[in-house]
């Protein structure tokens, strides 16, 4: 006798396999979306750092440190400016940092974008408590 159609067991197995496949695909899509949002946020933070640094450099006045403040359009990010002497005589380092803040705890989340620029020392205002940070000829780090 010839068989016509599928048994209930075959339909249940096919449905289970289809659901497993869909679950895997949805998991990958969710992960990809989270990473793309994080990359977009980091790109926006980078743009905010570059914009702030360009604004500071375009000013006629001396550049001063800026305490942490929220980045407009990125509510979970803060931006700061630090200024300190470089190891190279006559130069100072302007250090702009964007840092992601955990909205629940209001503490840093570990995601940071940093931008450093060396500029003539007469363009910055450095407090007396700042010390020269040792670095190499190519890179002065405030760490």
N, C-alpha and C. Protein backbone atom coordinates (compact mmCIF):
# COMPACT_ATOMS: atom_id res chain seq x y z
N UNK A 1 0.82 -1.17 0.00
CA UNK A 1 0.00 0.00 0.00
C UNK A 1 0.88 1.24 0.00
N UNK A 2 0.61 2.16 -0.88
CA UNK A 2 1.38 3.39 -1.01
C UNK A 2 0.98 4.39 0.07
N UNK A 3 1.98 5.10 0.53
CA UNK A 3 1.76 6.08 1.60
C UNK A 3 1.53 7.45 0.98
N UNK A 4 0.50 8.16 1.45
CA UNK A 4 0.21 9.52 0.99
C UNK A 4 0.28 10.45 2.18
N UNK A 5 1.13 11.53 2.11
CA UNK A 5 1.21 12.51 3.19
C UNK A 5 2.31 12.18 4.19
N UNK A 6 2.33 12.96 5.25
CA UNK A 6 3.34 12.84 6.29
C UNK A 6 2.69 12.42 7.61
N UNK A 7 3.46 11.74 8.43
CA UNK A 7 2.95 11.37 9.74
C UNK A 7 3.10 12.55 10.69
N UNK A 8 2.41 12.46 11.80
CA UNK A 8 2.48 13.52 12.80
C UNK A 8 3.90 13.65 13.34
N UNK A 9 4.59 12.56 13.51
CA UNK A 9 5.96 12.59 14.02
C UNK A 9 6.89 13.32 13.05
N UNK A 10 6.72 13.10 11.76
CA UNK A 10 7.56 13.79 10.77
C UNK A 10 7.29 15.30 10.78
N UNK A 11 6.05 15.68 10.92
CA UNK A 11 5.71 17.10 10.97
C UNK A 11 6.29 17.75 12.23
N UNK A 12 6.20 17.07 13.36
CA UNK A 12 6.76 17.61 14.61
C UNK A 12 8.28 17.74 14.52
N UNK A 13 8.95 16.77 13.93
CA UNK A 13 10.41 16.83 13.78
C UNK A 13 10.81 17.99 12.87
N UNK A 14 10.10 18.16 11.77
CA UNK A 14 10.41 19.25 10.85
C UNK A 14 10.19 20.61 11.51
N UNK A 15 9.11 20.70 12.29
CA UNK A 15 8.83 21.94 13.01
C UNK A 15 9.91 22.24 14.04
N UNK A 16 10.36 21.23 14.76
CA UNK A 16 11.41 21.41 15.76
C UNK A 16 12.71 21.87 15.11
N UNK A 17 13.06 21.27 13.99
CA UNK A 17 14.28 21.67 13.27
C UNK A 17 14.16 23.10 12.76
N UNK A 18 13.01 23.44 12.24
CA UNK A 18 12.78 24.81 11.76
C UNK A 18 12.88 25.81 12.90
N UNK A 19 12.31 25.51 14.05
CA UNK A 19 12.37 26.41 15.20
C UNK A 19 13.80 26.57 15.71
N UNK A 20 14.56 25.50 15.74
CA UNK A 20 15.97 25.59 16.15
C UNK A 20 16.75 26.50 15.20
N UNK A 21 16.51 26.33 13.93
CA UNK A 21 17.18 27.19 12.93
C UNK A 21 16.81 28.64 13.09
N UNK A 22 15.52 28.91 13.27
CA UNK A 22 15.07 30.29 13.46
C UNK A 22 15.63 30.90 14.74
N UNK A 23 15.70 30.12 15.81
CA UNK A 23 16.27 30.61 17.07
C UNK A 23 17.74 31.00 16.88
N UNK A 24 18.49 30.19 16.17
CA UNK A 24 19.90 30.49 15.92
C UNK A 24 20.04 31.76 15.08
N UNK A 25 19.24 31.88 14.04
CA UNK A 25 19.30 33.06 13.17
C UNK A 25 18.92 34.32 13.95
N UNK A 26 17.88 34.25 14.76
CA UNK A 26 17.47 35.42 15.55
C UNK A 26 18.54 35.81 16.57
N UNK A 27 19.20 34.83 17.15
CA UNK A 27 20.29 35.11 18.08
C UNK A 27 21.44 35.82 17.40
N UNK A 28 21.78 35.38 16.21
CA UNK A 28 22.85 36.03 15.44
C UNK A 28 22.44 37.45 15.06
N UNK A 29 21.20 37.62 14.65
CA UNK A 29 20.73 38.96 14.28
C UNK A 29 20.76 39.90 15.47
N UNK A 30 20.37 39.43 16.64
CA UNK A 30 20.38 40.26 17.85
C UNK A 30 21.81 40.67 18.21
N UNK A 31 22.71 39.72 18.17
CA UNK A 31 24.11 40.01 18.47
C UNK A 31 24.69 41.01 17.48
N UNK A 32 24.38 40.83 16.21
CA UNK A 32 24.86 41.74 15.17
C UNK A 32 24.29 43.13 15.38
N UNK A 33 23.04 43.23 15.74
CA UNK A 33 22.42 44.54 15.99
C UNK A 33 23.09 45.24 17.17
N UNK A 34 23.33 44.52 18.27
CA UNK A 34 23.98 45.12 19.43
C UNK A 34 25.37 45.62 19.09
N UNK A 35 26.10 44.85 18.31
CA UNK A 35 27.45 45.28 17.92
C UNK A 35 27.41 46.47 16.98
N UNK A 36 26.44 46.52 16.10
CA UNK A 36 26.36 47.67 15.19
C UNK A 36 25.97 48.93 15.94
N UNK A 37 25.10 48.81 16.94
CA UNK A 37 24.75 49.97 17.76
C UNK A 37 25.96 50.44 18.56
N UNK A 38 26.73 49.51 19.12
CA UNK A 38 27.94 49.87 19.87
C UNK A 38 28.96 50.54 18.96
N UNK A 39 29.11 50.04 17.74
CA UNK A 39 30.04 50.65 16.79
C UNK A 39 29.59 52.05 16.39
N UNK A 40 28.30 52.23 16.21
CA UNK A 40 27.77 53.56 15.87
C UNK A 40 27.98 54.53 17.03
N UNK A 41 27.76 54.08 18.27
CA UNK A 41 27.99 54.93 19.44
C UNK A 41 29.46 55.32 19.53
N UNK A 42 30.36 54.38 19.30
CA UNK A 42 31.79 54.67 19.36
C UNK A 42 32.19 55.65 18.26
N UNK A 43 31.62 55.48 17.08
CA UNK A 43 31.90 56.42 15.99
C UNK A 43 31.39 57.82 16.34
N UNK A 44 30.20 57.90 16.97
CA UNK A 44 29.68 59.20 17.40
C UNK A 44 30.55 59.82 18.49
N UNK A 45 31.06 58.99 19.41
CA UNK A 45 31.95 59.49 20.46
C UNK A 45 33.25 60.00 19.85
N UNK A 46 33.77 59.29 18.86
CA UNK A 46 34.98 59.72 18.17
C UNK A 46 34.74 61.07 17.50
N UNK A 47 33.62 61.22 16.83
CA UNK A 47 33.29 62.48 16.17
C UNK A 47 33.16 63.61 17.20
N UNK A 48 32.55 63.31 18.36
CA UNK A 48 32.41 64.31 19.42
C UNK A 48 33.78 64.76 19.93
N UNK A 49 34.71 63.81 20.11
CA UNK A 49 36.07 64.15 20.55
C UNK A 49 36.78 65.02 19.52
N UNK A 50 36.69 64.63 18.27
CA UNK A 50 37.35 65.39 17.22
C UNK A 50 36.75 66.78 17.10
N UNK A 51 35.43 66.89 17.20
CA UNK A 51 34.76 68.18 17.10
C UNK A 51 35.17 69.09 18.26
N UNK A 52 35.15 68.55 19.49
CA UNK A 52 35.54 69.35 20.65
C UNK A 52 36.99 69.81 20.53
N UNK A 53 37.88 68.92 20.11
CA UNK A 53 39.28 69.30 19.96
C UNK A 53 39.44 70.38 18.90
N UNK A 54 38.75 70.25 17.78
CA UNK A 54 38.81 71.27 16.73
C UNK A 54 38.29 72.61 17.24
N UNK A 55 37.21 72.59 18.02
CA UNK A 55 36.69 73.83 18.60
C UNK A 55 37.69 74.47 19.54
N UNK A 56 38.34 73.65 20.37
CA UNK A 56 39.34 74.18 21.30
C UNK A 56 40.53 74.78 20.55
N UNK A 57 40.97 74.11 19.50
CA UNK A 57 42.12 74.60 18.74
C UNK A 57 41.78 75.86 17.95
N UNK A 58 40.52 76.02 17.57
CA UNK A 58 40.11 77.20 16.80
C UNK A 58 39.95 78.44 17.67
N UNK A 59 39.85 78.26 18.97
CA UNK A 59 39.67 79.41 19.87
C UNK A 59 40.92 80.27 19.90
N UNK A 60 40.72 81.54 20.17
CA UNK A 60 41.84 82.44 20.37
C UNK A 60 42.38 82.34 21.80
N UNK A 61 41.51 81.92 22.73
CA UNK A 61 41.92 81.84 24.13
C UNK A 61 42.71 80.57 24.39
N UNK A 62 43.32 80.51 25.56
CA UNK A 62 44.11 79.34 25.93
C UNK A 62 43.20 78.16 26.26
N UNK A 63 43.67 76.98 25.95
CA UNK A 63 42.89 75.76 26.18
C UNK A 63 43.02 75.37 27.64
N UNK A 64 41.87 75.08 28.27
CA UNK A 64 41.83 74.70 29.67
C UNK A 64 41.20 73.32 29.81
N UNK A 65 41.49 72.63 30.92
CA UNK A 65 40.82 71.35 31.16
C UNK A 65 39.31 71.52 31.26
N UNK A 66 38.59 70.51 30.83
CA UNK A 66 37.12 70.51 30.90
C UNK A 66 36.70 69.29 31.71
N UNK A 67 35.93 69.50 32.80
CA UNK A 67 35.48 68.34 33.58
C UNK A 67 34.46 67.52 32.79
N UNK A 68 34.20 66.32 33.26
CA UNK A 68 33.28 65.40 32.57
C UNK A 68 31.93 66.06 32.36
N UNK A 69 31.44 65.97 31.12
CA UNK A 69 30.10 66.48 30.80
C UNK A 69 29.49 65.54 29.78
N UNK A 70 28.15 65.43 29.76
CA UNK A 70 27.49 64.53 28.81
C UNK A 70 27.71 64.99 27.37
N UNK A 71 27.76 64.03 26.47
CA UNK A 71 27.86 64.33 25.04
C UNK A 71 26.45 64.49 24.50
N UNK A 72 26.21 65.59 23.82
CA UNK A 72 24.88 65.84 23.26
C UNK A 72 24.56 64.77 22.21
N UNK A 73 23.42 64.16 22.34
CA UNK A 73 23.00 63.11 21.42
C UNK A 73 23.44 61.71 21.84
N UNK A 74 24.35 61.62 22.81
CA UNK A 74 24.78 60.33 23.36
C UNK A 74 24.62 60.39 24.87
N UNK A 75 23.44 60.11 25.38
CA UNK A 75 23.17 60.32 26.80
C UNK A 75 23.99 59.45 27.74
N UNK A 76 24.51 58.33 27.27
CA UNK A 76 25.28 57.44 28.14
C UNK A 76 26.78 57.67 28.02
N UNK A 77 27.20 58.79 27.43
CA UNK A 77 28.61 59.09 27.22
C UNK A 77 28.97 60.42 27.86
N UNK A 78 30.16 60.46 28.48
CA UNK A 78 30.73 61.71 29.01
C UNK A 78 32.00 62.03 28.24
N UNK A 79 32.32 63.32 28.18
CA UNK A 79 33.55 63.75 27.51
C UNK A 79 34.32 64.66 28.45
N UNK A 80 35.64 64.50 28.49
CA UNK A 80 36.51 65.34 29.34
C UNK A 80 37.71 65.79 28.52
N UNK A 81 38.33 66.88 28.98
CA UNK A 81 39.56 67.38 28.38
C UNK A 81 40.57 67.54 29.50
N UNK A 82 41.75 66.96 29.31
CA UNK A 82 42.86 67.13 30.24
C UNK A 82 44.00 67.79 29.47
N UNK A 83 44.75 68.63 30.17
CA UNK A 83 45.87 69.33 29.56
C UNK A 83 47.07 69.15 30.48
N UNK A 84 48.20 68.75 29.92
CA UNK A 84 49.40 68.58 30.74
C UNK A 84 50.63 68.77 29.87
N UNK A 85 51.77 69.04 30.50
CA UNK A 85 53.00 69.24 29.72
C UNK A 85 53.46 67.95 29.07
N UNK A 86 54.01 68.06 27.88
CA UNK A 86 54.61 66.90 27.20
C UNK A 86 56.07 66.80 27.61
N UNK A 87 56.67 65.68 27.32
CA UNK A 87 58.09 65.51 27.63
C UNK A 87 58.96 66.34 26.68
N UNK A 88 58.43 66.66 25.52
CA UNK A 88 59.15 67.50 24.57
C UNK A 88 59.05 68.95 25.02
N UNK A 89 60.15 69.66 25.21
CA UNK A 89 60.10 71.05 25.67
C UNK A 89 59.29 71.93 24.71
N UNK A 90 58.50 72.81 25.30
CA UNK A 90 57.70 73.74 24.52
C UNK A 90 56.38 73.20 24.03
N UNK A 91 56.08 71.93 24.32
CA UNK A 91 54.82 71.34 23.88
C UNK A 91 53.98 70.92 25.08
N UNK A 92 52.68 70.90 24.84
CA UNK A 92 51.74 70.37 25.82
C UNK A 92 50.85 69.36 25.12
N UNK A 93 50.21 68.52 25.93
CA UNK A 93 49.32 67.50 25.40
C UNK A 93 47.89 67.86 25.78
N UNK A 94 47.01 67.87 24.79
CA UNK A 94 45.58 68.01 25.03
C UNK A 94 45.00 66.62 24.84
N UNK A 95 44.36 66.13 25.89
CA UNK A 95 43.86 64.75 25.91
C UNK A 95 42.34 64.80 26.06
N UNK A 96 41.62 64.43 24.99
CA UNK A 96 40.15 64.42 25.00
C UNK A 96 39.71 62.97 25.14
N UNK A 97 38.84 62.72 26.10
CA UNK A 97 38.37 61.35 26.37
C UNK A 97 36.85 61.30 26.37
N UNK A 98 36.30 60.37 25.61
CA UNK A 98 34.87 60.07 25.66
C UNK A 98 34.74 58.70 26.32
N UNK A 99 33.88 58.62 27.32
CA UNK A 99 33.75 57.37 28.07
C UNK A 99 32.27 57.03 28.25
N UNK A 100 31.94 55.77 27.96
CA UNK A 100 30.56 55.31 28.14
C UNK A 100 30.30 55.12 29.62
N UNK A 101 29.14 55.60 30.06
CA UNK A 101 28.74 55.51 31.47
C UNK A 101 27.54 54.57 31.57
N UNK A 102 27.60 53.67 32.53
CA UNK A 102 26.47 52.77 32.76
C UNK A 102 25.30 53.60 33.28
N UNK A 103 24.16 53.61 32.59
CA UNK A 103 23.04 54.46 33.02
C UNK A 103 22.47 54.07 34.38
N UNK A 104 22.63 52.83 34.79
CA UNK A 104 22.08 52.39 36.08
C UNK A 104 22.96 52.78 37.24
N UNK A 105 24.27 52.62 37.09
CA UNK A 105 25.19 52.87 38.20
C UNK A 105 25.89 54.21 38.10
N UNK A 106 25.84 54.85 36.93
CA UNK A 106 26.51 56.14 36.68
C UNK A 106 28.02 56.05 36.82
N UNK A 107 28.59 54.85 36.66
CA UNK A 107 30.04 54.70 36.69
C UNK A 107 30.50 54.28 35.29
N UNK A 108 31.80 54.48 34.98
CA UNK A 108 32.28 54.13 33.65
C UNK A 108 32.03 52.66 33.31
N UNK A 109 31.70 52.44 32.04
CA UNK A 109 31.35 51.11 31.54
C UNK A 109 32.53 50.38 30.92
N UNK A 110 33.67 51.06 30.78
CA UNK A 110 34.85 50.43 30.22
C UNK A 110 35.07 50.71 28.75
N UNK A 111 34.11 51.34 28.08
CA UNK A 111 34.27 51.68 26.67
C UNK A 111 34.76 53.12 26.58
N UNK A 112 35.94 53.30 25.99
CA UNK A 112 36.58 54.62 25.97
C UNK A 112 37.11 54.92 24.57
N UNK A 113 37.02 56.20 24.18
CA UNK A 113 37.71 56.68 23.00
C UNK A 113 38.57 57.85 23.46
N UNK A 114 39.86 57.83 23.10
CA UNK A 114 40.77 58.88 23.52
C UNK A 114 41.45 59.50 22.31
N UNK A 115 41.66 60.80 22.40
CA UNK A 115 42.30 61.54 21.32
C UNK A 115 43.35 62.45 21.95
N UNK A 116 44.58 62.39 21.46
CA UNK A 116 45.67 63.22 21.96
C UNK A 116 46.17 64.14 20.86
N UNK A 117 46.51 65.37 21.23
CA UNK A 117 47.13 66.31 20.30
C UNK A 117 48.22 67.05 21.04
N UNK A 118 49.33 67.26 20.36
CA UNK A 118 50.43 68.04 20.91
C UNK A 118 50.33 69.44 20.32
N UNK A 119 50.36 70.42 21.20
CA UNK A 119 50.26 71.80 20.74
C UNK A 119 51.30 72.64 21.48
N UNK A 120 51.60 73.84 20.98
CA UNK A 120 52.56 74.70 21.68
C UNK A 120 52.10 75.01 23.11
N UNK A 121 53.05 75.04 24.00
CA UNK A 121 52.74 75.21 25.42
C UNK A 121 52.06 76.54 25.72
N UNK A 122 52.30 77.57 24.93
CA UNK A 122 51.68 78.86 25.19
C UNK A 122 50.19 78.89 24.84
N UNK A 123 49.67 77.84 24.22
CA UNK A 123 48.24 77.78 23.87
C UNK A 123 47.38 77.12 24.95
N UNK A 124 48.01 76.60 26.02
CA UNK A 124 47.25 75.88 27.04
C UNK A 124 47.44 76.51 28.40
N UNK A 125 46.50 76.19 29.27
CA UNK A 125 46.59 76.61 30.66
C UNK A 125 46.70 75.35 31.50
N UNK A 126 47.85 75.21 32.15
CA UNK A 126 48.13 74.02 32.94
C UNK A 126 48.19 74.42 34.41
N UNK A 127 47.49 73.67 35.25
CA UNK A 127 47.53 73.97 36.68
C UNK A 127 48.87 73.53 37.25
N UNK A 128 49.24 74.10 38.38
CA UNK A 128 50.54 73.81 38.99
C UNK A 128 50.66 72.37 39.46
N UNK A 129 49.54 71.72 39.76
CA UNK A 129 49.60 70.35 40.28
C UNK A 129 49.92 69.33 39.19
N UNK A 130 49.76 69.70 37.91
CA UNK A 130 50.09 68.77 36.83
C UNK A 130 51.59 68.61 36.72
N UNK A 131 52.02 67.38 36.51
CA UNK A 131 53.44 67.10 36.31
C UNK A 131 53.63 66.58 34.90
N UNK A 132 54.84 66.69 34.42
CA UNK A 132 55.14 66.15 33.11
C UNK A 132 55.02 64.64 33.18
N UNK A 133 54.30 64.08 32.25
CA UNK A 133 54.12 62.64 32.18
C UNK A 133 55.18 62.10 31.23
N UNK A 134 55.92 61.12 31.68
CA UNK A 134 56.97 60.55 30.84
C UNK A 134 56.36 59.74 29.71
N UNK A 135 56.96 59.82 28.56
CA UNK A 135 56.51 59.06 27.41
C UNK A 135 57.67 58.91 26.44
N UNK A 136 57.40 58.45 25.27
CA UNK A 136 58.44 58.33 24.27
C UNK A 136 58.45 59.60 23.44
N UNK A 137 59.33 59.69 22.49
CA UNK A 137 59.38 60.85 21.62
C UNK A 137 58.14 60.97 20.74
N UNK A 138 57.49 59.83 20.49
CA UNK A 138 56.35 59.85 19.59
C UNK A 138 55.01 59.90 20.30
N UNK A 139 55.00 59.54 21.58
CA UNK A 139 53.71 59.38 22.22
C UNK A 139 53.79 59.70 23.70
N UNK A 140 53.03 60.65 24.17
CA UNK A 140 52.95 60.97 25.58
C UNK A 140 51.61 60.50 26.09
N UNK A 141 51.62 59.64 27.08
CA UNK A 141 50.37 59.10 27.60
C UNK A 141 50.13 59.61 29.01
N UNK A 142 48.90 59.91 29.36
CA UNK A 142 48.60 60.35 30.72
C UNK A 142 48.33 59.21 31.67
N UNK A 143 48.83 58.02 31.36
CA UNK A 143 48.55 56.85 32.19
C UNK A 143 49.71 56.55 33.09
